[in-house]
Amino acid sequence: MLKIEHLTKIYGEKKAVDDLSLHILPGEIYGFIGHNGAGKTTTLKAACGILQFDKGEIFINGLSIKQSPIEAKRELAYLPDNPDLYEYMTGIQFLKFVADIYGIGSEERTEKIEKYTKSFGINDDLAMPISSYSHGMKQKLAISAAWMHDPNLIMMDEPFVGLDPVASHTLKQMMRQVCDRGGAIFFSTHVLDVAEKLCDKIAVIKNGKLIRSGTMDEVTGDSSLETVFLELEENKGSQETKEGDVK
């Protein structure tokens, strides 16, 4: 569903992502964890075609994001960590705008708008301008929009930030439903207990480099994800210090 091969993104002299390869299969919820600045957002933006990259290749359901960007983007939806919506629009105008982009018919869009906005409890707020929405409401609207065209791959950057417990539970159910129909989810998170309970596979990134990936059992063994993550961070930091001393 998503194949990232030797992805490298350089800003000046810094490698934000360094020769990263991942393969997310249909039916998988794949978690992406790392400290702030580790390269998670850069990877996600490159994977959905927002950000150009220096080396490597990315395929969405077999389509190259470089060679066939429009076709590849039809297969996916991307939810950034801070949804930048058209605040002069009302909620319903925005959702209809998204439906127009993907060519979703009148009956289908009405059904989906009602389904998702009711699930998140914002259906009574759709006539209000988005500028009046709280962060959590904007997040719920953005999630509803991302699900509108039944994408095969959904990529999200910290999707649970700003969501209340009920909305978080709703999103987890929606993520699993995507995978149950053969789609895939790739998302970053700092909420390690959520990742541990929800994800089929996990990848840990530090300073742009992939340091561990696999099923939850392969990554954590008998430990918790939090314990393993902290150990990996500490060990990697110690190794980098030693290498720096040698140099």
Protein backbone atom coordinates (compact mmCIF):
# COMPACT_ATOMS: atom_id res chain seq x y z
CA MET A 1 0.00 0.00 0.00
CA LEU A 2 2.83 2.40 0.92
CA LYS A 3 6.40 1.63 -0.03
CA ILE A 4 9.13 4.07 0.97
CA GLU A 5 12.51 3.19 -0.49
CA HIS A 6 15.74 4.89 0.64
CA LEU A 7 14.03 8.22 1.32
CA THR A 8 16.47 11.08 1.91
CA LYS A 9 15.54 14.70 2.52
CA ILE A 10 18.23 17.33 3.11
CA TYR A 11 17.82 20.87 4.47
CA GLY A 12 21.09 22.71 3.95
CA GLU A 13 23.68 20.51 5.64
CA LYS A 14 21.16 18.57 7.75
CA LYS A 15 19.64 15.26 6.69
CA ALA A 16 16.10 15.47 8.04
CA VAL A 17 15.46 11.93 6.74
CA ASP A 18 18.40 9.65 6.07
CA ASP A 19 18.00 6.63 3.74
CA LEU A 20 14.69 5.53 5.29
CA SER A 21 12.81 2.50 3.93
CA LEU A 22 9.40 1.28 5.12
CA HIS A 23 6.71 -0.96 3.64
CA ILE A 24 3.12 -0.66 4.91
CA LEU A 25 0.84 -3.46 3.73
CA PRO A 26 -2.94 -3.44 3.17
CA GLY A 27 -4.79 -4.05 6.42
CA GLU A 28 -2.07 -2.57 8.64
CA ILE A 29 -2.17 0.25 11.16
CA TYR A 30 1.45 1.38 11.21
CA GLY A 31 2.66 3.71 13.97
CA PHE A 32 5.59 6.09 13.52
CA ILE A 33 7.27 7.32 16.69
CA GLY A 34 10.24 9.50 17.55
CA HIS A 35 11.22 12.64 19.40
CA ASN A 36 10.42 16.14 18.13
CA GLY A 37 12.53 16.86 15.06
CA ALA A 38 13.23 13.17 14.40
CA GLY A 39 11.91 13.35 10.83
CA LYS A 40 8.36 12.04 11.21
CA THR A 41 6.54 15.02 9.69
CA THR A 42 9.09 15.31 6.87
CA THR A 43 8.56 11.64 6.01
CA LEU A 44 4.78 11.97 6.03
CA LYS A 45 4.78 15.11 3.89
CA ALA A 46 7.12 13.50 1.38
CA ALA A 47 4.99 10.35 1.28
CA CYS A 48 1.82 12.27 0.41
CA GLY A 49 3.49 14.45 -2.23
CA ILE A 50 3.53 17.77 -0.36
CA LEU A 51 7.31 17.84 0.06
CA GLN A 52 9.89 17.07 -2.61
CA PHE A 53 12.78 14.86 -1.56
CA ASP A 54 16.38 14.47 -2.64
CA LYS A 55 16.81 10.71 -2.99
CA GLY A 56 14.71 7.57 -2.97
CA GLU A 57 11.25 6.68 -4.22
CA ILE A 58 7.77 6.44 -2.73
CA PHE A 59 4.93 4.32 -4.09
CA ILE A 60 1.27 4.64 -3.15
CA ASN A 61 -0.60 1.46 -4.05
CA GLY A 62 1.99 0.85 -6.76
CA LEU A 63 1.96 4.44 -8.08
CA SER A 64 5.08 6.60 -7.88
CA ILE A 65 4.43 9.84 -6.00
CA LYS A 66 7.10 11.42 -8.24
CA GLN A 67 6.04 10.07 -11.62
CA SER A 68 2.26 9.89 -11.11
CA PRO A 69 1.47 12.44 -8.36
CA ILE A 70 -2.18 13.08 -9.24
CA GLU A 71 -3.08 9.41 -9.56
CA ALA A 72 -1.18 8.56 -6.38
CA LYS A 73 -2.86 11.33 -4.39
CA ARG A 74 -6.29 10.01 -5.35
CA GLU A 75 -5.40 6.89 -3.37
CA LEU A 76 -4.65 8.70 -0.12
CA ALA A 77 -5.69 11.25 2.46
CA TYR A 78 -3.34 13.27 4.66
CA LEU A 79 -4.13 14.85 8.00
CA PRO A 80 -1.46 17.31 9.24
CA ASP A 81 -0.73 17.88 12.90
CA ASN A 82 -2.38 21.31 12.76
CA PRO A 83 -5.13 21.34 10.11
CA ASP A 84 -4.96 24.59 8.15
CA LEU A 85 -8.56 24.90 6.98
CA TYR A 86 -10.32 27.65 5.03
CA GLU A 87 -11.62 29.56 8.00
CA TYR A 88 -13.87 31.87 5.97
CA MET A 89 -15.93 28.83 5.02
CA THR A 90 -18.56 27.18 7.18
CA GLY A 91 -18.04 23.55 8.13
CA ILE A 92 -20.59 22.33 5.62
CA GLN A 93 -19.11 24.45 2.83
CA PHE A 94 -15.70 22.96 3.48
CA LEU A 95 -16.95 19.38 3.41
CA LYS A 96 -18.89 20.01 0.19
CA PHE A 97 -15.77 21.61 -1.28
CA VAL A 98 -13.78 18.45 -0.51
CA ALA A 99 -16.57 16.32 -1.97
CA ASP A 100 -16.45 18.40 -5.16
CA ILE A 101 -12.69 17.89 -5.48
CA TYR A 102 -13.11 14.11 -5.40
CA GLY A 103 -16.25 14.07 -7.53
CA ILE A 104 -18.48 12.62 -4.83
CA GLY A 105 -22.16 12.67 -5.84
CA SER A 106 -24.89 14.53 -3.95
CA GLU A 107 -26.50 11.52 -2.28
CA GLU A 108 -23.21 9.93 -1.25
CA ARG A 109 -21.76 13.14 0.16
CA THR A 110 -24.88 13.85 2.20
CA GLU A 111 -24.72 10.38 3.68
CA LYS A 112 -21.03 10.61 4.52
CA ILE A 113 -21.19 14.13 5.94
CA GLU A 114 -24.01 13.08 8.24
CA LYS A 115 -22.26 9.85 9.23
CA TYR A 116 -18.87 11.32 10.15
CA THR A 117 -19.95 14.63 11.67
CA LYS A 118 -22.54 12.88 13.84
CA SER A 119 -19.87 10.43 14.98
CA PHE A 120 -17.76 13.35 16.17
CA GLY A 121 -20.65 15.41 17.51
CA ILE A 122 -20.13 18.42 15.24
CA ASN A 123 -23.15 17.98 12.95
CA ASP A 124 -25.00 20.82 14.68
CA ASP A 125 -22.03 23.17 14.17
CA LEU A 126 -21.63 22.87 10.41
CA ALA A 127 -23.41 26.16 9.66
CA MET A 128 -20.83 28.05 11.74
CA PRO A 129 -17.69 29.56 10.20
CA ILE A 130 -14.59 27.45 10.75
CA SER A 131 -12.92 30.51 12.29
CA SER A 132 -15.22 30.05 15.30
CA TYR A 133 -14.23 26.39 15.79
CA SER A 134 -12.00 25.21 18.63
CA HIS A 135 -8.85 23.23 17.79
CA GLY A 136 -10.65 20.01 18.60
CA MET A 137 -13.59 20.88 16.34
CA LYS A 138 -11.22 21.70 13.47
CA GLN A 139 -9.51 18.36 14.00
CA LYS A 140 -12.83 16.53 13.86
CA LEU A 141 -13.83 18.41 10.69
CA ALA A 142 -10.49 17.63 9.06
CA ILE A 143 -10.82 13.93 9.91
CA SER A 144 -14.35 13.87 8.47
CA ALA A 145 -13.01 15.46 5.27
CA ALA A 146 -10.12 12.98 5.03
CA TRP A 147 -12.51 10.02 5.11
CA MET A 148 -14.91 11.48 2.50
CA HIS A 149 -13.52 9.77 -0.62
CA ASP A 150 -12.82 6.35 0.96
CA PRO A 151 -9.03 6.57 0.53
CA ASN A 152 -7.02 3.36 0.43
CA LEU A 153 -4.23 4.93 2.48
CA ILE A 154 -4.63 7.48 5.27
CA MET A 155 -1.57 9.24 6.68
CA MET A 156 -1.91 11.33 9.82
CA ASP A 157 0.48 13.44 11.87
CA GLU A 158 -0.37 13.33 15.60
CA PRO A 159 -4.10 12.77 14.94
CA PHE A 160 -5.11 12.35 18.59
CA VAL A 161 -3.84 15.75 19.75
CA GLY A 162 -6.80 17.94 20.70
CA LEU A 163 -9.36 15.14 20.62
CA ASP A 164 -11.48 14.33 23.65
CA PRO A 165 -11.67 10.67 24.82
CA VAL A 166 -14.92 9.98 22.95
CA ALA A 167 -13.56 11.42 19.70
CA SER A 168 -10.31 9.48 20.16
CA HIS A 169 -12.28 6.26 20.52
CA THR A 170 -14.30 7.10 17.40
CA LEU A 171 -11.13 7.74 15.40
CA LYS A 172 -9.59 4.44 16.51
CA GLN A 173 -12.70 2.61 15.31
CA MET A 174 -12.59 4.44 11.97
CA MET A 175 -8.92 3.56 11.52
CA ARG A 176 -9.58 -0.12 12.10
CA GLN A 177 -12.54 -0.06 9.69
CA VAL A 178 -10.28 1.30 6.94
CA CYS A 179 -7.92 -1.62 7.45
CA ASP A 180 -10.75 -4.14 7.64
CA ARG A 181 -11.76 -3.18 4.09
CA GLY A 182 -8.18 -3.57 2.82
CA GLY A 183 -6.82 -0.07 3.34
CA ALA A 184 -3.89 1.02 5.48
CA ILE A 185 -3.09 3.65 8.11
CA PHE A 186 0.30 5.33 8.67
CA PHE A 187 0.40 7.81 11.53
CA SER A 188 2.84 9.50 13.87
CA THR A 189 2.17 9.85 17.56
CA HIS A 190 3.76 10.73 20.88
CA VAL A 191 1.05 8.82 22.75
CA LEU A 192 2.91 5.55 23.16
CA ASP A 193 0.19 3.64 25.02
CA VAL A 194 -2.25 4.37 22.19
CA ALA A 195 0.30 3.16 19.64
CA GLU A 196 0.98 0.01 21.64
CA LYS A 197 -2.70 -0.94 21.84
CA LEU A 198 -3.72 0.15 18.34
CA CYS A 199 -0.87 -0.58 15.96
CA ASP A 200 -0.11 -3.77 14.05
CA LYS A 201 3.42 -2.55 13.36
CA ILE A 202 5.62 0.26 14.59
CA ALA A 203 8.67 2.17 13.37
CA VAL A 204 11.04 4.19 15.55
CA ILE A 205 12.99 7.05 13.99
CA LYS A 206 15.77 9.18 15.48
CA ASN A 207 17.65 12.00 13.78
CA GLY A 208 16.20 10.98 10.43
CA LYS A 209 17.28 7.35 10.67
CA LEU A 210 15.10 4.31 11.19
CA ILE A 211 16.41 2.52 14.28
CA ARG A 212 13.80 -0.22 14.69
CA SER A 213 10.63 -1.46 12.97
CA GLY A 214 8.35 -4.48 12.88
CA THR A 215 5.37 -5.97 14.65
CA MET A 216 4.69 -4.82 18.19
CA ASP A 217 6.09 -8.10 19.56
CA GLU A 218 9.21 -7.79 17.41
CA VAL A 219 9.85 -4.25 18.61
CA THR A 220 8.90 -4.56 22.28
CA GLY A 221 9.30 -8.22 23.23
CA ASP A 222 8.33 -8.55 26.88
CA SER A 223 8.73 -4.81 27.57
CA SER A 224 6.36 -1.91 27.07
CA LEU A 225 6.71 0.34 24.05
CA GLU A 226 7.58 3.24 26.33
CA THR A 227 10.44 1.28 27.92
CA VAL A 228 11.83 0.16 24.56
CA PHE A 229 11.54 3.65 23.09
CA LEU A 230 13.40 5.23 26.00
CA GLU A 231 16.11 2.55 25.83
CA LEU A 232 16.55 3.03 22.10
CA GLU A 233 16.79 6.79 22.55
CA GLU A 234 19.33 6.43 25.34
CA ASN A 235 21.44 3.80 23.56
CA LYS A 236 21.44 5.73 20.33
CA GLY A 237 22.43 8.90 22.14
CA SER A 238 25.30 7.12 23.91
CA GLN A 239 26.51 5.67 20.63
CA GLU A 240 26.48 9.08 18.95
CA THR A 241 28.43 10.58 21.86
CA LYS A 242 31.10 7.89 21.61
CA GLU A 243 31.39 8.36 17.85
CA GLY A 244 31.70 12.09 18.36
CA ASP A 245 34.49 11.57 20.94
CA VAL A 246 36.43 9.37 18.51
CA LYS A 247 36.18 11.95 15.79
